[in-house]
Amino acid sequence: MGRQKKGNANAQRNNNAKEMQKRSQDTEFASYAEVEAKKMKSHE
C-alpha cells in the first residue's frame, strides 16, 4: 500500500495539479521529438 498523505488538503491538490502539468509537458515534448525525428528521416 502507498503512503497515506495527511495534512493540508488544498496543498495536496495543488501538488497533484503541478505533477499532472509536469507530466503533460513531458508527453508534449516527446511527441514533438517524434515529429522532428520523422522529419529528419524523410529528408534522407
N, C-alpha and C. Protein backbone atom coordinates (compact mmCIF):
# COMPACT_ATOMS: atom_id res chain seq x y z
N MET A 1 0.85 -1.19 0.00
CA MET A 1 0.00 0.00 0.00
C MET A 1 0.88 1.24 0.00
N GLY A 2 0.40 2.29 -0.63
CA GLY A 2 1.16 3.53 -0.69
C GLY A 2 1.09 4.29 0.62
N ARG A 3 1.92 5.25 0.72
CA ARG A 3 1.97 6.10 1.91
C ARG A 3 0.72 6.96 1.98
N GLN A 4 0.13 7.06 3.15
CA GLN A 4 -1.03 7.93 3.31
C GLN A 4 -0.54 9.36 3.50
N LYS A 5 -1.11 10.27 2.75
CA LYS A 5 -0.72 11.66 2.84
C LYS A 5 -1.77 12.41 3.64
N LYS A 6 -1.37 12.87 4.80
CA LYS A 6 -2.30 13.63 5.62
C LYS A 6 -1.76 15.04 5.73
N GLY A 7 -2.63 15.97 5.95
CA GLY A 7 -2.20 17.35 6.09
C GLY A 7 -3.14 18.26 5.34
N ASN A 8 -2.60 19.32 4.79
CA ASN A 8 -3.39 20.34 4.12
C ASN A 8 -3.91 19.79 2.79
N ALA A 9 -5.23 19.60 2.72
CA ALA A 9 -5.83 19.02 1.51
C ALA A 9 -5.64 19.94 0.31
N ASN A 10 -5.72 21.24 0.52
CA ASN A 10 -5.57 22.18 -0.58
C ASN A 10 -4.15 22.12 -1.15
N ALA A 11 -3.17 22.03 -0.27
CA ALA A 11 -1.78 21.93 -0.71
C ALA A 11 -1.56 20.64 -1.50
N GLN A 12 -2.21 19.57 -1.07
CA GLN A 12 -2.08 18.29 -1.77
C GLN A 12 -2.67 18.37 -3.17
N ARG A 13 -3.85 19.02 -3.30
CA ARG A 13 -4.46 19.19 -4.62
C ARG A 13 -3.55 20.02 -5.52
N ASN A 14 -2.93 21.04 -4.93
CA ASN A 14 -2.02 21.90 -5.69
C ASN A 14 -0.82 21.09 -6.17
N ASN A 15 -0.27 20.25 -5.31
CA ASN A 15 0.86 19.41 -5.69
C ASN A 15 0.47 18.44 -6.79
N ASN A 16 -0.75 17.87 -6.67
CA ASN A 16 -1.22 16.95 -7.71
C ASN A 16 -1.36 17.67 -9.04
N ALA A 17 -1.88 18.89 -9.02
CA ALA A 17 -2.05 19.67 -10.25
C ALA A 17 -0.69 19.96 -10.88
N LYS A 18 0.29 20.32 -10.06
CA LYS A 18 1.63 20.59 -10.58
C LYS A 18 2.22 19.34 -11.22
N GLU A 19 2.03 18.20 -10.57
CA GLU A 19 2.57 16.94 -11.09
C GLU A 19 1.93 16.59 -12.44
N MET A 20 0.61 16.77 -12.54
CA MET A 20 -0.08 16.48 -13.79
C MET A 20 0.39 17.42 -14.90
N GLN A 21 0.63 18.67 -14.55
CA GLN A 21 1.10 19.64 -15.54
C GLN A 21 2.48 19.22 -16.04
N LYS A 22 3.33 18.79 -15.12
CA LYS A 22 4.68 18.34 -15.50
C LYS A 22 4.60 17.15 -16.45
N ARG A 23 3.72 16.20 -16.13
CA ARG A 23 3.60 15.01 -16.96
C ARG A 23 3.08 15.35 -18.35
N SER A 24 2.11 16.26 -18.43
CA SER A 24 1.57 16.61 -19.74
C SER A 24 2.63 17.32 -20.58
N GLN A 25 3.49 18.12 -19.93
CA GLN A 25 4.56 18.78 -20.67
C GLN A 25 5.55 17.75 -21.21
N ASP A 26 5.84 16.73 -20.40
CA ASP A 26 6.77 15.68 -20.84
C ASP A 26 6.23 14.98 -22.08
N THR A 27 4.94 14.69 -22.10
CA THR A 27 4.39 13.98 -23.26
C THR A 27 4.38 14.89 -24.48
N GLU A 28 4.15 16.18 -24.28
CA GLU A 28 4.19 17.11 -25.41
C GLU A 28 5.59 17.15 -26.01
N PHE A 29 6.62 17.18 -25.16
CA PHE A 29 7.98 17.22 -25.67
C PHE A 29 8.32 15.91 -26.38
N ALA A 30 7.82 14.81 -25.87
CA ALA A 30 8.10 13.52 -26.51
C ALA A 30 7.48 13.49 -27.90
N SER A 31 6.24 13.94 -28.03
CA SER A 31 5.61 13.91 -29.34
C SER A 31 6.29 14.88 -30.30
N TYR A 32 6.74 16.01 -29.78
CA TYR A 32 7.48 16.97 -30.61
C TYR A 32 8.77 16.34 -31.12
N ALA A 33 9.46 15.63 -30.24
CA ALA A 33 10.71 14.97 -30.64
C ALA A 33 10.43 13.91 -31.70
N GLU A 34 9.33 13.19 -31.55
CA GLU A 34 8.99 12.18 -32.54
C GLU A 34 8.73 12.81 -33.90
N VAL A 35 8.03 13.94 -33.92
CA VAL A 35 7.74 14.63 -35.18
C VAL A 35 9.04 15.09 -35.83
N GLU A 36 9.93 15.66 -35.03
CA GLU A 36 11.22 16.11 -35.57
C GLU A 36 12.02 14.94 -36.12
N ALA A 37 12.00 13.81 -35.43
CA ALA A 37 12.73 12.64 -35.90
C ALA A 37 12.17 12.15 -37.24
N LYS A 38 10.85 12.18 -37.37
CA LYS A 38 10.24 11.76 -38.63
C LYS A 38 10.64 12.72 -39.76
N LYS A 39 10.69 14.02 -39.45
CA LYS A 39 11.10 15.00 -40.46
C LYS A 39 12.51 14.71 -40.95
N MET A 40 13.41 14.43 -39.99
CA MET A 40 14.81 14.16 -40.37
C MET A 40 14.91 12.90 -41.21
N LYS A 41 14.13 11.88 -40.87
CA LYS A 41 14.17 10.64 -41.65
C LYS A 41 13.64 10.86 -43.06
N SER A 42 12.61 11.68 -43.18
CA SER A 42 12.02 11.89 -44.51
C SER A 42 12.94 12.70 -45.42
N HIS A 43 13.86 13.49 -44.84
CA HIS A 43 14.78 14.30 -45.66
C HIS A 43 15.97 13.50 -46.14
N GLU A 44 16.16 12.31 -45.64
CA GLU A 44 17.32 11.50 -46.07
C GLU A 44 17.16 10.97 -47.48
